[in-house]
């Protein structure tokens, strides 16, 4: 049964970049993105009924069931990049997975507000924070909630690169990552490409 690595954090906190850095350097690992379930549910609903998909019981049940299947059926690490700040939903998904015998390593990527705003602006693809208005609106709430003890393990990322964050997570989970031998330019290109691939139009 593979271990689950849940990478939490505010929108723009580096979850997806870290997840794919770990995926690149952890042989046999897979990325399971719960956001895909949420946007699938949104597509089934009329636009006027599309609120926060995490409030849908169907989303929480589906995420837990899929991760349980992935953990039991896949021998390698299962990497889960997802912002999850409601303590009840956290208990409903991660708590129940743990209760059912799954090993879930949870990490909350935290940073100063200014650091996250800078990162959001950089990923705005020329439109800056205007394109990231939803993330900015949720930022303070996310940072406040995720700092609570129930969302440990906390990892401050202000002065860490993505490969360094991946190293910390793997080490804490008892996993050995492949050495990072990429140049600064190659890292920058990879981060840009990962960001482009995960632009959401929903």
N, C-alpha and C. Protein backbone atom coordinates (compact mmCIF):
# COMPACT_ATOMS: atom_id res chain seq x y z
N UNK A 1 0.86 -1.20 0.00
CA UNK A 1 0.00 0.00 0.00
C UNK A 1 0.89 1.24 0.00
N UNK A 2 0.71 2.12 -0.99
CA UNK A 2 1.55 3.29 -1.12
C UNK A 2 1.17 4.38 -0.13
N UNK A 3 2.17 5.17 0.27
CA UNK A 3 1.92 6.29 1.17
C UNK A 3 1.29 7.44 0.40
N UNK A 4 0.44 8.20 1.09
CA UNK A 4 -0.17 9.41 0.52
C UNK A 4 0.57 10.63 1.03
N UNK A 5 0.98 11.50 0.12
CA UNK A 5 1.61 12.77 0.47
C UNK A 5 0.65 13.89 0.11
N UNK A 6 -0.05 14.43 1.11
CA UNK A 6 -0.99 15.53 0.84
C UNK A 6 -0.25 16.85 1.03
N UNK A 7 -0.15 17.62 -0.06
CA UNK A 7 0.54 18.91 -0.03
C UNK A 7 -0.51 20.00 -0.01
N UNK A 8 -0.68 20.61 1.15
CA UNK A 8 -1.68 21.65 1.38
C UNK A 8 -0.99 23.01 1.30
N UNK A 9 -1.77 24.06 1.33
CA UNK A 9 -1.20 25.41 1.30
C UNK A 9 -2.16 26.37 0.64
N UNK A 10 -1.91 27.66 0.74
CA UNK A 10 -2.78 28.64 0.09
C UNK A 10 -2.66 28.55 -1.42
N UNK A 11 -3.65 29.09 -2.11
CA UNK A 11 -3.55 29.15 -3.57
C UNK A 11 -2.33 30.00 -3.92
N UNK A 12 -1.47 29.46 -4.78
CA UNK A 12 -0.24 30.16 -5.11
C UNK A 12 0.91 29.84 -4.17
N UNK A 13 0.71 28.88 -3.29
CA UNK A 13 1.74 28.54 -2.31
C UNK A 13 2.78 27.56 -2.79
N UNK A 14 2.63 27.05 -4.01
CA UNK A 14 3.64 26.14 -4.56
C UNK A 14 3.28 24.67 -4.50
N UNK A 15 2.02 24.34 -4.24
CA UNK A 15 1.61 22.94 -4.09
C UNK A 15 1.85 22.14 -5.37
N UNK A 16 1.34 22.63 -6.48
CA UNK A 16 1.43 21.89 -7.73
C UNK A 16 2.87 21.76 -8.19
N UNK A 17 3.64 22.84 -8.11
CA UNK A 17 5.04 22.78 -8.50
C UNK A 17 5.80 21.77 -7.65
N UNK A 18 5.53 21.78 -6.34
CA UNK A 18 6.20 20.84 -5.45
C UNK A 18 5.78 19.41 -5.75
N UNK A 19 4.49 19.22 -6.02
CA UNK A 19 3.99 17.87 -6.33
C UNK A 19 4.69 17.29 -7.54
N UNK A 20 4.85 18.08 -8.59
CA UNK A 20 5.47 17.55 -9.81
C UNK A 20 6.99 17.46 -9.69
N UNK A 21 7.58 18.25 -8.81
CA UNK A 21 9.00 18.07 -8.52
C UNK A 21 9.21 16.74 -7.79
N UNK A 22 8.35 16.44 -6.83
CA UNK A 22 8.43 15.15 -6.15
C UNK A 22 8.17 14.00 -7.12
N UNK A 23 7.17 14.16 -7.96
CA UNK A 23 6.85 13.13 -8.95
C UNK A 23 8.03 12.85 -9.87
N UNK A 24 8.75 13.90 -10.24
CA UNK A 24 9.93 13.76 -11.10
C UNK A 24 11.05 13.00 -10.41
N UNK A 25 11.17 13.17 -9.10
CA UNK A 25 12.33 12.64 -8.40
C UNK A 25 12.02 11.47 -7.47
N UNK A 26 10.77 11.04 -7.45
CA UNK A 26 10.38 9.85 -6.68
C UNK A 26 9.93 8.77 -7.67
N UNK A 27 10.81 7.85 -8.02
CA UNK A 27 10.44 6.80 -8.97
C UNK A 27 9.21 6.02 -8.49
N UNK A 28 8.29 5.80 -9.41
CA UNK A 28 7.09 5.04 -9.08
C UNK A 28 5.98 5.85 -8.46
N UNK A 29 6.17 7.15 -8.32
CA UNK A 29 5.13 7.99 -7.72
C UNK A 29 4.13 8.44 -8.78
N UNK A 30 2.94 8.82 -8.30
CA UNK A 30 1.91 9.38 -9.18
C UNK A 30 1.32 10.62 -8.51
N UNK A 31 0.78 11.52 -9.31
CA UNK A 31 0.08 12.70 -8.80
C UNK A 31 -1.42 12.49 -9.00
N UNK A 32 -2.19 12.60 -7.92
CA UNK A 32 -3.65 12.52 -7.98
C UNK A 32 -4.20 13.87 -7.54
N UNK A 33 -4.77 14.62 -8.46
CA UNK A 33 -5.18 15.99 -8.20
C UNK A 33 -6.69 16.06 -7.93
N UNK A 34 -7.11 16.29 -6.68
CA UNK A 34 -8.55 16.35 -6.36
C UNK A 34 -9.28 17.49 -7.06
N UNK A 35 -8.54 18.49 -7.52
CA UNK A 35 -9.19 19.59 -8.22
C UNK A 35 -9.88 19.12 -9.50
N UNK A 36 -9.34 18.08 -10.11
CA UNK A 36 -9.94 17.55 -11.34
C UNK A 36 -11.36 17.03 -11.06
N UNK A 37 -11.53 16.40 -9.90
CA UNK A 37 -12.87 15.94 -9.52
C UNK A 37 -13.80 17.14 -9.36
N UNK A 38 -13.31 18.18 -8.70
CA UNK A 38 -14.13 19.36 -8.47
C UNK A 38 -14.57 20.04 -9.74
N UNK A 39 -13.66 20.19 -10.68
CA UNK A 39 -14.03 20.85 -11.93
C UNK A 39 -14.93 19.96 -12.78
N UNK A 40 -14.79 18.64 -12.64
CA UNK A 40 -15.72 17.75 -13.32
C UNK A 40 -17.14 17.92 -12.80
N UNK A 41 -17.26 18.05 -11.47
CA UNK A 41 -18.57 18.28 -10.88
C UNK A 41 -19.14 19.64 -11.31
N UNK A 42 -18.27 20.65 -11.39
CA UNK A 42 -18.72 21.97 -11.85
C UNK A 42 -19.30 21.89 -13.27
N UNK A 43 -18.66 21.10 -14.12
CA UNK A 43 -19.13 21.02 -15.51
C UNK A 43 -20.52 20.39 -15.60
N UNK A 44 -20.87 19.61 -14.58
CA UNK A 44 -22.20 18.97 -14.56
C UNK A 44 -23.29 19.92 -14.09
N UNK A 45 -22.90 21.06 -13.51
CA UNK A 45 -23.87 21.98 -12.93
C UNK A 45 -24.04 23.23 -13.80
N UNK A 46 -25.24 23.81 -13.82
CA UNK A 46 -25.41 25.10 -14.47
C UNK A 46 -24.49 26.14 -13.80
N UNK A 47 -23.97 27.09 -14.56
CA UNK A 47 -23.04 28.07 -13.99
C UNK A 47 -23.53 28.74 -12.72
N UNK A 48 -24.82 29.01 -12.64
CA UNK A 48 -25.35 29.69 -11.47
C UNK A 48 -25.32 28.87 -10.19
N UNK A 49 -25.10 27.57 -10.32
CA UNK A 49 -25.08 26.68 -9.16
C UNK A 49 -23.66 26.27 -8.77
N UNK A 50 -22.66 26.84 -9.43
CA UNK A 50 -21.29 26.45 -9.18
C UNK A 50 -20.68 27.28 -8.05
N UNK A 51 -20.74 26.75 -6.86
CA UNK A 51 -20.08 27.40 -5.72
C UNK A 51 -18.73 26.75 -5.46
N UNK A 52 -18.35 26.66 -4.20
CA UNK A 52 -17.11 25.98 -3.83
C UNK A 52 -17.36 24.49 -3.90
N UNK A 53 -16.69 23.80 -4.82
CA UNK A 53 -16.98 22.38 -4.99
C UNK A 53 -16.62 21.55 -3.76
N UNK A 54 -15.78 22.09 -2.87
CA UNK A 54 -15.46 21.34 -1.66
C UNK A 54 -16.68 21.20 -0.74
N UNK A 55 -17.67 22.07 -0.92
CA UNK A 55 -18.89 21.99 -0.12
C UNK A 55 -19.81 20.87 -0.57
N UNK A 56 -19.49 20.25 -1.70
CA UNK A 56 -20.29 19.14 -2.20
C UNK A 56 -19.85 17.84 -1.54
N UNK A 57 -20.78 17.17 -0.91
CA UNK A 57 -20.47 15.87 -0.32
C UNK A 57 -19.92 14.92 -1.37
N UNK A 58 -20.42 15.04 -2.59
CA UNK A 58 -19.96 14.17 -3.69
C UNK A 58 -18.47 14.34 -3.92
N UNK A 59 -17.96 15.58 -3.81
CA UNK A 59 -16.52 15.81 -4.01
C UNK A 59 -15.72 15.15 -2.90
N UNK A 60 -16.12 15.35 -1.67
CA UNK A 60 -15.36 14.81 -0.55
C UNK A 60 -15.37 13.28 -0.56
N UNK A 61 -16.53 12.71 -0.85
CA UNK A 61 -16.63 11.25 -0.92
C UNK A 61 -15.78 10.70 -2.06
N UNK A 62 -15.84 11.37 -3.22
CA UNK A 62 -15.10 10.89 -4.38
C UNK A 62 -13.59 10.97 -4.16
N UNK A 63 -13.14 12.07 -3.59
CA UNK A 63 -11.70 12.24 -3.34
C UNK A 63 -11.21 11.15 -2.38
N UNK A 64 -11.95 10.95 -1.31
CA UNK A 64 -11.53 9.92 -0.35
C UNK A 64 -11.51 8.53 -1.00
N UNK A 65 -12.56 8.22 -1.77
CA UNK A 65 -12.63 6.90 -2.39
C UNK A 65 -11.53 6.69 -3.42
N UNK A 66 -11.26 7.70 -4.24
CA UNK A 66 -10.23 7.57 -5.26
C UNK A 66 -8.85 7.45 -4.62
N UNK A 67 -8.59 8.24 -3.60
CA UNK A 67 -7.29 8.15 -2.94
C UNK A 67 -7.11 6.82 -2.23
N UNK A 68 -8.19 6.29 -1.67
CA UNK A 68 -8.12 4.98 -1.04
C UNK A 68 -7.77 3.93 -2.08
N UNK A 69 -8.42 3.99 -3.24
CA UNK A 69 -8.14 3.04 -4.31
C UNK A 69 -6.70 3.18 -4.80
N UNK A 70 -6.25 4.43 -5.00
CA UNK A 70 -4.90 4.65 -5.47
C UNK A 70 -3.86 4.15 -4.47
N UNK A 71 -4.11 4.43 -3.19
CA UNK A 71 -3.16 4.01 -2.16
C UNK A 71 -3.08 2.50 -2.06
N UNK A 72 -4.23 1.82 -2.14
CA UNK A 72 -4.23 0.36 -2.01
C UNK A 72 -3.72 -0.33 -3.27
N UNK A 73 -3.97 0.27 -4.42
CA UNK A 73 -3.64 -0.40 -5.66
C UNK A 73 -2.32 -0.02 -6.29
N UNK A 74 -1.72 1.10 -5.83
CA UNK A 74 -0.47 1.56 -6.42
C UNK A 74 0.65 1.41 -5.40
N UNK A 75 1.75 0.76 -5.76
CA UNK A 75 2.81 0.49 -4.78
C UNK A 75 3.66 1.70 -4.40
N UNK A 76 3.66 2.73 -5.23
CA UNK A 76 4.51 3.88 -4.97
C UNK A 76 3.77 5.00 -4.27
N UNK A 77 4.47 6.09 -3.97
CA UNK A 77 3.84 7.24 -3.32
C UNK A 77 2.76 7.88 -4.19
N UNK A 78 1.68 8.29 -3.54
CA UNK A 78 0.58 8.99 -4.21
C UNK A 78 0.61 10.44 -3.72
N UNK A 79 0.85 11.38 -4.62
CA UNK A 79 1.06 12.78 -4.27
C UNK A 79 -0.22 13.57 -4.55
N UNK A 80 -0.68 14.32 -3.54
CA UNK A 80 -1.98 14.98 -3.62
C UNK A 80 -1.82 16.48 -3.36
N UNK A 81 -1.79 17.32 -4.41
CA UNK A 81 -1.72 18.77 -4.20
C UNK A 81 -3.11 19.37 -4.10
N UNK A 82 -3.49 19.86 -2.92
CA UNK A 82 -4.84 20.40 -2.78
C UNK A 82 -4.94 21.30 -1.57
N UNK A 83 -5.48 22.50 -1.75
CA UNK A 83 -5.80 23.38 -0.64
C UNK A 83 -7.02 22.84 0.08
N UNK A 84 -6.89 22.63 1.40
CA UNK A 84 -7.99 22.11 2.21
C UNK A 84 -7.89 22.74 3.59
N UNK A 85 -8.77 23.72 3.87
CA UNK A 85 -8.62 24.49 5.10
C UNK A 85 -9.77 24.33 6.08
N UNK A 86 -10.83 23.66 5.68
CA UNK A 86 -11.95 23.43 6.59
C UNK A 86 -11.63 22.23 7.49
N UNK A 87 -11.57 22.42 8.81
CA UNK A 87 -11.21 21.31 9.69
C UNK A 87 -12.15 20.11 9.58
N UNK A 88 -13.43 20.37 9.36
CA UNK A 88 -14.37 19.28 9.21
C UNK A 88 -14.11 18.47 7.96
N UNK A 89 -13.85 19.15 6.86
CA UNK A 89 -13.56 18.46 5.60
C UNK A 89 -12.23 17.72 5.71
N UNK A 90 -11.27 18.34 6.41
CA UNK A 90 -9.96 17.71 6.63
C UNK A 90 -10.15 16.38 7.36
N UNK A 91 -10.96 16.40 8.40
CA UNK A 91 -11.22 15.17 9.17
C UNK A 91 -11.98 14.15 8.33
N UNK A 92 -12.90 14.65 7.51
CA UNK A 92 -13.74 13.77 6.70
C UNK A 92 -12.93 13.02 5.64
N UNK A 93 -11.91 13.69 5.10
CA UNK A 93 -11.11 13.05 4.05
C UNK A 93 -9.84 12.44 4.63
N UNK A 94 -8.96 13.26 5.14
CA UNK A 94 -7.67 12.78 5.63
C UNK A 94 -7.83 11.96 6.90
N UNK A 95 -8.68 12.45 7.81
CA UNK A 95 -8.89 11.72 9.05
C UNK A 95 -9.43 10.32 8.81
N UNK A 96 -10.40 10.18 7.91
CA UNK A 96 -10.99 8.86 7.64
C UNK A 96 -10.02 7.96 6.91
N UNK A 97 -9.20 8.52 6.02
CA UNK A 97 -8.18 7.71 5.36
C UNK A 97 -7.21 7.13 6.39
N UNK A 98 -6.82 7.97 7.33
CA UNK A 98 -5.92 7.48 8.39
C UNK A 98 -6.61 6.44 9.26
N UNK A 99 -7.87 6.68 9.59
CA UNK A 99 -8.62 5.72 10.40
C UNK A 99 -8.73 4.37 9.71
N UNK A 100 -8.76 4.39 8.39
CA UNK A 100 -8.88 3.15 7.62
C UNK A 100 -7.54 2.48 7.36
N UNK A 101 -6.48 3.00 7.98
CA UNK A 101 -5.18 2.35 7.90
C UNK A 101 -4.23 2.88 6.86
N UNK A 102 -4.60 3.97 6.18
CA UNK A 102 -3.70 4.54 5.17
C UNK A 102 -2.69 5.48 5.83
N UNK A 103 -1.47 5.45 5.33
CA UNK A 103 -0.45 6.37 5.80
C UNK A 103 -0.56 7.67 5.01
N UNK A 104 -0.97 8.73 5.69
CA UNK A 104 -1.12 10.04 5.04
C UNK A 104 -0.15 11.01 5.69
N UNK A 105 0.84 11.45 4.91
CA UNK A 105 1.76 12.49 5.36
C UNK A 105 1.20 13.82 4.86
N UNK A 106 0.84 14.70 5.79
CA UNK A 106 0.23 15.97 5.41
C UNK A 106 1.22 17.11 5.66
N UNK A 107 1.34 18.00 4.68
CA UNK A 107 2.24 19.15 4.78
C UNK A 107 1.50 20.41 4.36
N UNK A 108 1.57 21.44 5.18
CA UNK A 108 1.01 22.74 4.85
C UNK A 108 2.15 23.68 4.49
N UNK A 109 2.20 24.10 3.23
CA UNK A 109 3.23 25.02 2.77
C UNK A 109 2.80 26.44 3.13
N UNK A 110 3.54 27.06 4.02
CA UNK A 110 3.21 28.41 4.48
C UNK A 110 4.29 29.39 4.06
N UNK A 111 3.90 30.65 3.92
CA UNK A 111 4.83 31.72 3.59
C UNK A 111 4.21 33.04 4.02
N UNK A 112 5.01 34.07 4.07
CA UNK A 112 4.48 35.39 4.37
C UNK A 112 3.52 35.82 3.26
N UNK A 113 2.56 36.65 3.65
CA UNK A 113 1.55 37.10 2.69
C UNK A 113 2.19 37.73 1.46
N UNK A 114 3.20 38.56 1.67
CA UNK A 114 3.87 39.24 0.56
C UNK A 114 4.53 38.24 -0.38
N UNK A 115 5.07 37.16 0.17
CA UNK A 115 5.71 36.14 -0.65
C UNK A 115 4.68 35.46 -1.55
N UNK A 116 3.53 35.10 -0.98
CA UNK A 116 2.50 34.43 -1.77
C UNK A 116 1.95 35.38 -2.84
N UNK A 117 1.75 36.65 -2.49
CA UNK A 117 1.27 37.61 -3.48
C UNK A 117 2.25 37.75 -4.64
N UNK A 118 3.53 37.76 -4.33
CA UNK A 118 4.55 37.84 -5.39
C UNK A 118 4.46 36.62 -6.30
N UNK A 119 4.31 35.45 -5.71
CA UNK A 119 4.21 34.23 -6.51
C UNK A 119 2.97 34.23 -7.37
N UNK A 120 1.86 34.70 -6.82
CA UNK A 120 0.63 34.78 -7.60
C UNK A 120 0.79 35.74 -8.77
N UNK A 121 1.45 36.86 -8.52
CA UNK A 121 1.67 37.84 -9.58
C UNK A 121 2.53 37.25 -10.70
N UNK A 122 3.54 36.47 -10.31
CA UNK A 122 4.45 35.87 -11.29
C UNK A 122 3.73 34.84 -12.15
N UNK A 123 2.76 34.14 -11.58
CA UNK A 123 2.06 33.12 -12.37
C UNK A 123 0.84 33.70 -13.08
N UNK A 124 0.66 35.01 -13.00
CA UNK A 124 -0.49 35.65 -13.63
C UNK A 124 -0.38 35.80 -15.13
N UNK A 125 0.73 35.33 -15.71
CA UNK A 125 0.93 35.35 -17.16
C UNK A 125 0.67 36.72 -17.77
N UNK A 126 1.30 37.74 -17.18
CA UNK A 126 1.20 39.08 -17.72
C UNK A 126 0.03 39.89 -17.20
N UNK A 127 -0.92 39.23 -16.55
CA UNK A 127 -2.09 39.94 -16.02
C UNK A 127 -1.99 40.15 -14.52
N UNK A 128 -0.86 39.71 -13.94
CA UNK A 128 -0.61 39.96 -12.52
C UNK A 128 -1.69 39.40 -11.62
N UNK A 129 -1.98 40.13 -10.55
CA UNK A 129 -2.92 39.66 -9.55
C UNK A 129 -4.37 39.72 -10.02
N UNK A 130 -4.63 40.45 -11.10
CA UNK A 130 -6.00 40.51 -11.61
C UNK A 130 -6.48 39.13 -11.99
N UNK A 131 -5.63 38.35 -12.64
CA UNK A 131 -5.99 37.00 -13.04
C UNK A 131 -6.16 36.09 -11.83
N UNK A 132 -5.49 36.42 -10.72
CA UNK A 132 -5.51 35.56 -9.54
C UNK A 132 -6.41 36.12 -8.44
N UNK A 133 -7.48 36.82 -8.82
CA UNK A 133 -8.32 37.50 -7.84
C UNK A 133 -8.93 36.52 -6.83
N UNK A 134 -9.35 35.34 -7.28
CA UNK A 134 -9.93 34.36 -6.37
C UNK A 134 -8.91 33.95 -5.31
N UNK A 135 -7.68 33.68 -5.75
CA UNK A 135 -6.63 33.28 -4.81
C UNK A 135 -6.32 34.38 -3.82
N UNK A 136 -6.30 35.63 -4.27
CA UNK A 136 -6.02 36.75 -3.38
C UNK A 136 -7.13 36.90 -2.34
N UNK A 137 -8.38 36.74 -2.76
CA UNK A 137 -9.51 36.85 -1.83
C UNK A 137 -9.44 35.81 -0.72
N UNK A 138 -8.94 34.63 -1.04
CA UNK A 138 -8.88 33.52 -0.09
C UNK A 138 -7.59 33.48 0.73
N UNK A 139 -6.63 34.32 0.37
CA UNK A 139 -5.28 34.18 0.93
C UNK A 139 -5.24 34.29 2.44
N UNK A 140 -5.77 35.37 3.01
CA UNK A 140 -5.67 35.57 4.45
C UNK A 140 -6.37 34.45 5.22
N UNK A 141 -7.53 34.05 4.73
CA UNK A 141 -8.26 32.96 5.38
C UNK A 141 -7.45 31.67 5.35
N UNK A 142 -6.84 31.37 4.21
CA UNK A 142 -6.03 30.16 4.09
C UNK A 142 -4.84 30.18 5.03
N UNK A 143 -4.11 31.29 5.05
CA UNK A 143 -2.93 31.38 5.89
C UNK A 143 -3.28 31.26 7.37
N UNK A 144 -4.39 31.87 7.75
CA UNK A 144 -4.81 31.82 9.15
C UNK A 144 -5.20 30.39 9.55
N UNK A 145 -6.00 29.75 8.73
CA UNK A 145 -6.47 28.40 9.05
C UNK A 145 -5.31 27.40 9.05
N UNK A 146 -4.47 27.47 8.02
CA UNK A 146 -3.43 26.47 7.88
C UNK A 146 -2.35 26.56 8.94
N UNK A 147 -2.28 27.69 9.63
CA UNK A 147 -1.31 27.84 10.72
C UNK A 147 -1.75 27.11 11.98
N UNK A 148 -3.00 26.65 12.01
CA UNK A 148 -3.51 25.96 13.19
C UNK A 148 -2.83 24.59 13.35
N UNK A 149 -2.71 24.10 14.59
CA UNK A 149 -1.97 22.86 14.84
C UNK A 149 -2.52 21.63 14.13
N UNK A 150 -3.83 21.58 13.89
CA UNK A 150 -4.38 20.39 13.24
C UNK A 150 -3.93 20.25 11.79
N UNK A 151 -3.36 21.33 11.22
CA UNK A 151 -2.89 21.27 9.84
C UNK A 151 -1.38 21.06 9.74
N UNK A 152 -0.75 20.66 10.83
CA UNK A 152 0.66 20.31 10.76
C UNK A 152 0.81 19.03 9.91
N UNK A 153 1.91 18.86 9.30
CA UNK A 153 3.22 19.46 9.51
C UNK A 153 3.32 20.75 8.70
N UNK A 154 3.81 21.82 9.35
CA UNK A 154 3.96 23.10 8.69
C UNK A 154 5.37 23.23 8.10
N UNK A 155 5.43 23.81 6.92
CA UNK A 155 6.72 24.00 6.25
C UNK A 155 6.78 25.42 5.70
N UNK A 156 7.66 26.23 6.26
CA UNK A 156 7.83 27.60 5.80
C UNK A 156 8.67 27.59 4.53
N UNK A 157 8.17 28.25 3.48
CA UNK A 157 8.81 28.15 2.16
C UNK A 157 9.36 29.46 1.64
N UNK A 158 9.31 30.53 2.44
CA UNK A 158 9.74 31.85 1.94
C UNK A 158 11.14 31.82 1.34
N UNK A 159 12.03 31.12 1.97
CA UNK A 159 13.44 31.13 1.55
C UNK A 159 13.89 29.80 0.98
N UNK A 160 12.93 28.99 0.54
CA UNK A 160 13.25 27.68 -0.03
C UNK A 160 12.88 27.64 -1.50
N UNK A 161 13.69 26.96 -2.29
CA UNK A 161 13.34 26.69 -3.68
C UNK A 161 12.38 25.50 -3.72
N UNK A 162 11.76 25.29 -4.86
CA UNK A 162 10.86 24.15 -5.02
C UNK A 162 11.60 22.83 -4.78
N UNK A 163 12.80 22.63 -5.34
CA UNK A 163 13.51 21.38 -5.04
C UNK A 163 13.83 21.22 -3.56
N UNK A 164 14.11 22.31 -2.86
CA UNK A 164 14.38 22.21 -1.43
C UNK A 164 13.12 21.84 -0.65
N UNK A 165 11.97 22.39 -1.06
CA UNK A 165 10.71 22.01 -0.42
C UNK A 165 10.45 20.52 -0.63
N UNK A 166 10.67 20.06 -1.86
CA UNK A 166 10.49 18.64 -2.16
C UNK A 166 11.41 17.77 -1.31
N UNK A 167 12.65 18.21 -1.14
CA UNK A 167 13.60 17.46 -0.31
C UNK A 167 13.10 17.35 1.13
N UNK A 168 12.58 18.47 1.67
CA UNK A 168 12.10 18.48 3.06
C UNK A 168 10.91 17.52 3.22
N UNK A 169 10.00 17.56 2.27
CA UNK A 169 8.82 16.70 2.36
C UNK A 169 9.21 15.23 2.27
N UNK A 170 10.04 14.91 1.31
CA UNK A 170 10.46 13.52 1.16
C UNK A 170 11.19 13.03 2.41
N UNK A 171 12.08 13.85 2.93
CA UNK A 171 12.82 13.46 4.13
C UNK A 171 11.91 13.22 5.31
N UNK A 172 10.93 14.11 5.49
CA UNK A 172 10.00 13.96 6.61
C UNK A 172 9.14 12.71 6.46
N UNK A 173 8.83 12.33 5.22
CA UNK A 173 8.01 11.15 4.96
C UNK A 173 8.84 9.87 4.91
N UNK A 174 10.15 9.99 5.08
CA UNK A 174 11.00 8.82 5.04
C UNK A 174 11.25 8.27 3.65
N UNK A 175 11.16 9.14 2.64
CA UNK A 175 11.35 8.73 1.26
C UNK A 175 12.65 9.31 0.71
N UNK A 176 13.25 8.61 -0.20
CA UNK A 176 14.51 9.05 -0.80
C UNK A 176 14.26 9.52 -2.22
N UNK A 177 14.55 10.79 -2.48
CA UNK A 177 14.35 11.34 -3.82
C UNK A 177 15.65 11.24 -4.61
N UNK A 178 15.53 11.21 -5.93
CA UNK A 178 16.70 11.25 -6.78
C UNK A 178 17.39 12.60 -6.63
N UNK A 179 18.69 12.66 -6.84
CA UNK A 179 19.40 13.94 -6.72
C UNK A 179 18.88 14.95 -7.73
N UNK A 180 18.90 16.20 -7.33
CA UNK A 180 18.48 17.28 -8.23
C UNK A 180 19.72 17.81 -8.94
N UNK A 181 19.84 17.48 -10.22
CA UNK A 181 21.02 17.88 -11.00
C UNK A 181 20.68 18.91 -12.07
N UNK A 182 19.50 19.45 -12.04
CA UNK A 182 19.10 20.41 -13.07
C UNK A 182 19.71 21.78 -12.82
N UNK A 183 19.93 22.50 -13.91
CA UNK A 183 20.42 23.87 -13.82
C UNK A 183 19.29 24.81 -13.43
N UNK A 184 19.65 26.03 -13.05
CA UNK A 184 18.65 27.03 -12.70
C UNK A 184 17.72 27.30 -13.87
N UNK A 185 18.29 27.37 -15.08
CA UNK A 185 17.47 27.62 -16.27
C UNK A 185 16.49 26.48 -16.51
N UNK A 186 16.95 25.25 -16.36
CA UNK A 186 16.07 24.11 -16.58
C UNK A 186 14.93 24.10 -15.56
N UNK A 187 15.24 24.46 -14.31
CA UNK A 187 14.20 24.55 -13.29
C UNK A 187 13.16 25.60 -13.68
N UNK A 188 13.63 26.75 -14.17
CA UNK A 188 12.72 27.82 -14.53
C UNK A 188 11.80 27.40 -15.68
N UNK A 189 12.38 26.73 -16.67
CA UNK A 189 11.58 26.26 -17.81
C UNK A 189 10.54 25.24 -17.35
N UNK A 190 10.96 24.33 -16.48
CA UNK A 190 10.04 23.30 -16.00
C UNK A 190 8.89 23.93 -15.19
N UNK A 191 9.21 24.90 -14.33
CA UNK A 191 8.17 25.55 -13.54
C UNK A 191 7.17 26.27 -14.44
N UNK A 192 7.69 26.94 -15.47
CA UNK A 192 6.81 27.64 -16.40
C UNK A 192 5.89 26.67 -17.12
N UNK A 193 6.45 25.56 -17.59
CA UNK A 193 5.67 24.58 -18.33
C UNK A 193 4.62 23.93 -17.42
N UNK A 194 5.00 23.62 -16.19
CA UNK A 194 4.04 23.05 -15.24
C UNK A 194 2.91 24.03 -14.98
N UNK A 195 3.24 25.31 -14.82
CA UNK A 195 2.21 26.33 -14.61
C UNK A 195 1.26 26.44 -15.78
N UNK A 196 1.79 26.38 -17.01
CA UNK A 196 0.96 26.49 -18.20
C UNK A 196 0.02 25.29 -18.30
N UNK A 197 0.54 24.11 -18.00
CA UNK A 197 -0.29 22.89 -18.10
C UNK A 197 -1.44 22.88 -17.12
N UNK A 198 -1.30 23.65 -16.04
CA UNK A 198 -2.33 23.60 -14.99
C UNK A 198 -3.15 24.91 -14.90
N UNK A 199 -3.17 25.66 -15.99
CA UNK A 199 -4.06 26.81 -16.06
C UNK A 199 -5.50 26.29 -16.11
N UNK A 200 -6.36 26.85 -15.28
CA UNK A 200 -7.76 26.42 -15.25
C UNK A 200 -8.63 27.45 -15.97
N UNK A 201 -9.51 26.97 -16.82
CA UNK A 201 -10.41 27.85 -17.57
C UNK A 201 -11.86 27.68 -17.11
N UNK A 202 -12.08 26.84 -16.06
CA UNK A 202 -13.44 26.60 -15.60
C UNK A 202 -13.96 27.79 -14.81
